[in-house]
Amino acid sequence: MPQEPPAGPTPGPDADLTGRAGPDEPAEPASVDAPADAPVESAYDLLQRGHALMRRRHNAQAAVVLERASRLEPGKGSILEALARARFNAGQHGAALETFAALLEVDPSSPYAHYGLGRCLRNLGRHGEAGTHLRLAAALAPASPLYRSALAGITGPARPETPATQERRTGREDEEPVGDG
């Protein structure tokens, strides 16, 4: 009994192990879940969809859409900024940290990237590193009350020491605090 050929297209003799076509064969479509006649979304279209989702506070969904935009336009600052913001607002602080760091590689003088990176670091408990980036954000945009307030949140306003805070700091009520004078 003769064997029937396998269903579907058969890779040609020049195809590699993944089934990709050789140099003389046409490549198959990259995505099988989208119809061949479906319109291809541009990075701009995806960026606009991501912004719309963030306005409706659907940050996790926005991050998914913006990741697709980022794959289409890697290293594009506007997409990285929106993606980092969506990830941060979705509570994905580790992923947001990576994205803000990538944004700083594109634009090292971006105050918003330093601000976002500082906020991520603070949320991850890395306060020393957070302070560095929040100080940079405040220095790069000194008129921004947002950056100044974030920096104050990490460093805190200077408060006079009370006997109770001296005791907590030293552990002993009768011990004199070490001072400069």
C-alpha atoms as a PDB file:
ATOM      1  CA  MET A   1       0.000   0.000   0.000  1.00  0.00           C
ATOM      2  CA  PRO A   2       1.517   3.371  -0.958  1.00  0.00           C
ATOM      3  CA  GLN A   3       1.994   5.947   1.789  1.00  0.00           C
ATOM      4  CA  GLU A   4       0.144   9.228   1.497  1.00  0.00           C
ATOM      5  CA  PRO A   5       2.191  12.411   1.593  1.00  0.00           C
ATOM      6  CA  PRO A   6       2.085  14.308   4.894  1.00  0.00           C
ATOM      7  CA  ALA A   7      -0.577  16.965   5.229  1.00  0.00           C
ATOM      8  CA  GLY A   8       0.480  20.584   4.741  1.00  0.00           C
ATOM      9  CA  PRO A   9       3.509  21.988   3.008  1.00  0.00           C
ATOM     10  CA  THR A  10       6.618  19.869   3.009  1.00  0.00           C
ATOM     11  CA  PRO A  11       9.919  21.617   3.635  1.00  0.00           C
ATOM     12  CA  GLY A  12      12.148  21.571   0.592  1.00  0.00           C
ATOM     13  CA  PRO A  13      15.619  20.051   0.506  1.00  0.00           C
ATOM     14  CA  ASP A  14      17.204  23.392   1.431  1.00  0.00           C
ATOM     15  CA  ALA A  15      15.123  23.974   4.592  1.00  0.00           C
ATOM     16  CA  ASP A  16      16.924  24.086   7.928  1.00  0.00           C
ATOM     17  CA  LEU A  17      15.869  22.083  11.001  1.00  0.00           C
ATOM     18  CA  THR A  18      13.264  24.671  11.974  1.00  0.00           C
ATOM     19  CA  GLY A  19      11.472  24.234   8.662  1.00  0.00           C
ATOM     20  CA  ARG A  20      12.554  27.612   7.348  1.00  0.00           C
ATOM     21  CA  ALA A  21      12.863  27.795   3.607  1.00  0.00           C
ATOM     22  CA  GLY A  22      16.206  27.696   1.894  1.00  0.00           C
ATOM     23  CA  PRO A  23      17.429  30.439  -0.412  1.00  0.00           C
ATOM     24  CA  ASP A  24      15.333  29.281  -3.374  1.00  0.00           C
ATOM     25  CA  GLU A  25      12.061  28.720  -1.519  1.00  0.00           C
ATOM     26  CA  PRO A  26       9.504  31.251  -0.332  1.00  0.00           C
ATOM     27  CA  ALA A  27       9.303  31.677   3.423  1.00  0.00           C
ATOM     28  CA  GLU A  28       6.086  30.785   5.198  1.00  0.00           C
ATOM     29  CA  PRO A  29       4.208  33.517   7.057  1.00  0.00           C
ATOM     30  CA  ALA A  30       5.698  34.306  10.481  1.00  0.00           C
ATOM     31  CA  SER A  31       2.356  34.183  12.265  1.00  0.00           C
ATOM     32  CA  VAL A  32      -0.231  31.488  11.768  1.00  0.00           C
ATOM     33  CA  ASP A  33      -2.797  33.021  14.113  1.00  0.00           C
ATOM     34  CA  ALA A  34      -3.468  36.108  11.966  1.00  0.00           C
ATOM     35  CA  PRO A  35      -5.219  35.770   8.626  1.00  0.00           C
ATOM     36  CA  ALA A  36      -3.023  36.475   5.619  1.00  0.00           C
ATOM     37  CA  ASP A  37      -5.203  39.414   4.589  1.00  0.00           C
ATOM     38  CA  ALA A  38      -5.271  40.982   8.102  1.00  0.00           C
ATOM     39  CA  PRO A  39      -3.826  44.475   8.238  1.00  0.00           C
ATOM     40  CA  VAL A  40      -0.418  44.682   9.876  1.00  0.00           C
ATOM     41  CA  GLU A  41      -0.333  47.099  12.799  1.00  0.00           C
ATOM     42  CA  SER A  42       2.482  49.605  12.756  1.00  0.00           C
ATOM     43  CA  ALA A  43       4.517  50.484  15.817  1.00  0.00           C
ATOM     44  CA  TYR A  44       2.752  53.853  15.817  1.00  0.00           C
ATOM     45  CA  ASP A  45      -0.680  52.188  15.834  1.00  0.00           C
ATOM     46  CA  LEU A  46       0.393  49.944  18.715  1.00  0.00           C
ATOM     47  CA  LEU A  47       1.806  52.919  20.615  1.00  0.00           C
ATOM     48  CA  GLN A  48      -1.503  54.759  20.237  1.00  0.00           C
ATOM     49  CA  ARG A  49      -3.422  51.677  21.425  1.00  0.00           C
ATOM     50  CA  GLY A  50      -1.083  51.377  24.393  1.00  0.00           C
ATOM     51  CA  HIS A  51      -1.670  55.021  25.364  1.00  0.00           C
ATOM     52  CA  ALA A  52      -5.441  54.536  25.061  1.00  0.00           C
ATOM     53  CA  LEU A  53      -5.293  51.469  27.320  1.00  0.00           C
ATOM     54  CA  MET A  54      -3.213  53.365  29.895  1.00  0.00           C
ATOM     55  CA  ARG A  55      -5.716  56.250  29.892  1.00  0.00           C
ATOM     56  CA  ARG A  56      -8.367  53.670  30.839  1.00  0.00           C
ATOM     57  CA  ARG A  57      -5.983  52.263  33.477  1.00  0.00           C
ATOM     58  CA  HIS A  58      -5.525  48.932  31.728  1.00  0.00           C
ATOM     59  CA  ASN A  59      -1.789  49.021  32.309  1.00  0.00           C
ATOM     60  CA  ALA A  60      -1.003  45.304  32.067  1.00  0.00           C
ATOM     61  CA  GLN A  61      -2.822  45.082  28.729  1.00  0.00           C
ATOM     62  CA  ALA A  62      -1.064  48.248  27.571  1.00  0.00           C
ATOM     63  CA  ALA A  63       2.286  46.650  28.426  1.00  0.00           C
ATOM     64  CA  VAL A  64       1.490  43.667  26.181  1.00  0.00           C
ATOM     65  CA  VAL A  65       0.580  45.937  23.258  1.00  0.00           C
ATOM     66  CA  LEU A  66       3.606  48.165  23.838  1.00  0.00           C
ATOM     67  CA  GLU A  67       5.943  45.144  23.974  1.00  0.00           C
ATOM     68  CA  ARG A  68       4.776  44.338  20.447  1.00  0.00           C
ATOM     69  CA  ALA A  69       5.495  47.918  19.390  1.00  0.00           C
ATOM     70  CA  SER A  70       8.936  47.682  20.981  1.00  0.00           C
ATOM     71  CA  ARG A  71       9.708  44.523  19.002  1.00  0.00           C
ATOM     72  CA  LEU A  72       8.782  46.359  15.793  1.00  0.00           C
ATOM     73  CA  GLU A  73      10.843  49.453  16.705  1.00  0.00           C
ATOM     74  CA  PRO A  74      13.581  48.400  19.150  1.00  0.00           C
ATOM     75  CA  GLY A  75      15.313  51.268  20.911  1.00  0.00           C
ATOM     76  CA  LYS A  76      12.586  53.819  20.128  1.00  0.00           C
ATOM     77  CA  GLY A  77      12.485  56.206  23.103  1.00  0.00           C
ATOM     78  CA  SER A  78       8.789  57.061  22.958  1.00  0.00           C
ATOM     79  CA  ILE A  79       7.815  53.388  22.939  1.00  0.00           C
ATOM     80  CA  LEU A  80      10.254  52.488  25.725  1.00  0.00           C
ATOM     81  CA  GLU A  81       8.952  55.336  27.892  1.00  0.00           C
ATOM     82  CA  ALA A  82       5.321  54.272  27.453  1.00  0.00           C
ATOM     83  CA  LEU A  83       6.198  50.602  28.024  1.00  0.00           C
ATOM     84  CA  ALA A  84       8.154  51.396  31.185  1.00  0.00           C
ATOM     85  CA  ARG A  85       5.279  53.519  32.508  1.00  0.00           C
ATOM     86  CA  ALA A  86       2.707  50.807  31.741  1.00  0.00           C
ATOM     87  CA  ARG A  87       4.834  48.167  33.455  1.00  0.00           C
ATOM     88  CA  PHE A  88       5.393  50.382  36.496  1.00  0.00           C
ATOM     89  CA  ASN A  89       1.698  51.182  36.826  1.00  0.00           C
ATOM     90  CA  ALA A  90       0.854  47.486  36.449  1.00  0.00           C
ATOM     91  CA  GLY A  91       3.104  46.742  39.425  1.00  0.00           C
ATOM     92  CA  GLN A  92       5.766  45.037  37.287  1.00  0.00           C
ATOM     93  CA  HIS A  93       8.604  46.968  38.918  1.00  0.00           C
ATOM     94  CA  GLY A  94      11.417  44.623  37.875  1.00  0.00           C
ATOM     95  CA  ALA A  95      10.375  44.724  34.221  1.00  0.00           C
ATOM     96  CA  ALA A  96       9.809  48.485  34.432  1.00  0.00           C
ATOM     97  CA  LEU A  97      13.306  48.895  35.880  1.00  0.00           C
ATOM     98  CA  GLU A  98      14.805  47.078  32.884  1.00  0.00           C
ATOM     99  CA  THR A  99      12.790  49.203  30.468  1.00  0.00           C
ATOM    100  CA  PHE A 100      13.704  52.506  32.146  1.00  0.00           C
ATOM    101  CA  ALA A 101      17.365  51.384  32.038  1.00  0.00           C
ATOM    102  CA  ALA A 102      16.992  50.693  28.292  1.00  0.00           C
ATOM    103  CA  LEU A 103      15.471  54.162  27.883  1.00  0.00           C
ATOM    104  CA  LEU A 104      18.518  55.655  29.621  1.00  0.00           C
ATOM    105  CA  GLU A 105      20.744  53.874  27.101  1.00  0.00           C
ATOM    106  CA  VAL A 106      18.810  55.662  24.336  1.00  0.00           C
ATOM    107  CA  ASP A 107      18.710  59.039  26.139  1.00  0.00           C
ATOM    108  CA  PRO A 108      21.039  59.281  29.163  1.00  0.00           C
ATOM    109  CA  SER A 109      19.845  62.815  29.967  1.00  0.00           C
ATOM    110  CA  SER A 110      16.132  61.962  30.211  1.00  0.00           C
ATOM    111  CA  PRO A 111      14.878  63.249  33.560  1.00  0.00           C
ATOM    112  CA  TYR A 112      11.744  61.085  33.292  1.00  0.00           C
ATOM    113  CA  ALA A 113      13.827  57.938  32.758  1.00  0.00           C
ATOM    114  CA  HIS A 114      15.910  58.740  35.853  1.00  0.00           C
ATOM    115  CA  TYR A 115      12.726  59.489  37.799  1.00  0.00           C
ATOM    116  CA  GLY A 116      11.084  56.216  36.718  1.00  0.00           C
ATOM    117  CA  LEU A 117      14.213  54.199  37.411  1.00  0.00           C
ATOM    118  CA  GLY A 118      14.478  55.805  40.853  1.00  0.00           C
ATOM    119  CA  ARG A 119      10.853  54.991  41.643  1.00  0.00           C
ATOM    120  CA  CYS A 120      11.350  51.353  40.562  1.00  0.00           C
ATOM    121  CA  LEU A 121      14.492  51.027  42.666  1.00  0.00           C
ATOM    122  CA  ARG A 122      12.695  52.525  45.661  1.00  0.00           C
ATOM    123  CA  ASN A 123       9.801  50.073  45.280  1.00  0.00           C
ATOM    124  CA  LEU A 124      12.290  47.217  45.070  1.00  0.00           C
ATOM    125  CA  GLY A 125      13.919  48.363  48.324  1.00  0.00           C
ATOM    126  CA  ARG A 126      17.130  49.668  46.727  1.00  0.00           C
ATOM    127  CA  HIS A 127      16.944  53.113  48.334  1.00  0.00           C
ATOM    128  CA  GLY A 128      20.578  54.157  47.856  1.00  0.00           C
ATOM    129  CA  GLU A 129      20.465  53.574  44.108  1.00  0.00           C
ATOM    130  CA  ALA A 130      17.011  55.154  43.959  1.00  0.00           C
ATOM    131  CA  GLY A 131      18.310  58.347  45.554  1.00  0.00           C
ATOM    132  CA  THR A 132      21.019  58.656  42.906  1.00  0.00           C
ATOM    133  CA  HIS A 133      18.533  58.548  40.026  1.00  0.00           C
ATOM    134  CA  LEU A 134      15.980  60.760  41.756  1.00  0.00           C
ATOM    135  CA  ARG A 135      18.710  63.359  42.418  1.00  0.00           C
ATOM    136  CA  LEU A 136      19.684  63.212  38.735  1.00  0.00           C
ATOM    137  CA  ALA A 137      16.051  63.691  37.681  1.00  0.00           C
ATOM    138  CA  ALA A 138      15.680  66.699  39.986  1.00  0.00           C
ATOM    139  CA  ALA A 139      18.970  68.170  38.745  1.00  0.00           C
ATOM    140  CA  LEU A 140      18.047  67.680  35.072  1.00  0.00           C
ATOM    141  CA  ALA A 141      14.604  69.268  35.551  1.00  0.00           C
ATOM    142  CA  PRO A 142      14.892  71.551  38.603  1.00  0.00           C
ATOM    143  CA  ALA A 143      11.505  73.192  37.973  1.00  0.00           C
ATOM    144  CA  SER A 144       9.647  69.887  38.320  1.00  0.00           C
ATOM    145  CA  PRO A 145       7.806  69.578  41.629  1.00  0.00           C
ATOM    146  CA  LEU A 146       7.164  65.900  40.833  1.00  0.00           C
ATOM    147  CA  TYR A 147      10.877  65.051  40.766  1.00  0.00           C
ATOM    148  CA  ARG A 148      11.621  67.156  43.858  1.00  0.00           C
ATOM    149  CA  SER A 149       8.814  65.526  45.848  1.00  0.00           C
ATOM    150  CA  ALA A 150       9.961  62.039  44.835  1.00  0.00           C
ATOM    151  CA  LEU A 151      13.465  62.908  45.986  1.00  0.00           C
ATOM    152  CA  ALA A 152      12.127  64.266  49.292  1.00  0.00           C
ATOM    153  CA  GLY A 153      10.224  60.999  49.716  1.00  0.00           C
ATOM    154  CA  ILE A 154      13.440  59.000  49.568  1.00  0.00           C
ATOM    155  CA  THR A 155      15.693  61.309  51.559  1.00  0.00           C
ATOM    156  CA  GLY A 156      13.001  62.723  53.839  1.00  0.00           C
ATOM    157  CA  PRO A 157      13.034  66.168  55.335  1.00  0.00           C
ATOM    158  CA  ALA A 158      15.609  66.837  58.025  1.00  0.00           C
ATOM    159  CA  ARG A 159      13.924  66.477  61.417  1.00  0.00           C
ATOM    160  CA  PRO A 160      15.304  67.517  64.775  1.00  0.00           C
ATOM    161  CA  GLU A 161      16.230  64.584  66.944  1.00  0.00           C
ATOM    162  CA  THR A 162      14.116  64.028  70.052  1.00  0.00           C
ATOM    163  CA  PRO A 163      15.143  62.089  73.150  1.00  0.00           C
ATOM    164  CA  ALA A 164      12.963  59.185  71.975  1.00  0.00           C
ATOM    165  CA  THR A 165      14.691  59.003  68.564  1.00  0.00           C
ATOM    166  CA  GLN A 166      18.086  59.290  70.286  1.00  0.00           C
ATOM    167  CA  GLU A 167      17.179  56.328  72.475  1.00  0.00           C
ATOM    168  CA  ARG A 168      16.029  54.240  69.492  1.00  0.00           C
ATOM    169  CA  ARG A 169      19.190  55.129  67.586  1.00  0.00           C
ATOM    170  CA  THR A 170      21.623  54.427  70.417  1.00  0.00           C
ATOM    171  CA  GLY A 171      19.654  51.832  72.321  1.00  0.00           C
ATOM    172  CA  ARG A 172      20.460  53.513  75.643  1.00  0.00           C
ATOM    173  CA  GLU A 173      18.732  56.410  77.309  1.00  0.00           C
ATOM    174  CA  ASP A 174      21.737  57.605  79.327  1.00  0.00           C
ATOM    175  CA  GLU A 175      24.233  57.576  76.456  1.00  0.00           C
ATOM    176  CA  GLU A 176      25.117  60.874  74.805  1.00  0.00           C
ATOM    177  CA  PRO A 177      24.688  60.952  71.011  1.00  0.00           C
ATOM    178  CA  VAL A 178      27.891  61.297  69.063  1.00  0.00           C
ATOM    179  CA  GLY A 179      28.072  64.752  67.539  1.00  0.00           C
ATOM    180  CA  ASP A 180      30.358  67.017  65.635  1.00  0.00           C
ATOM    181  CA  GLY A 181      30.907  69.449  68.439  1.00  0.00           C
END
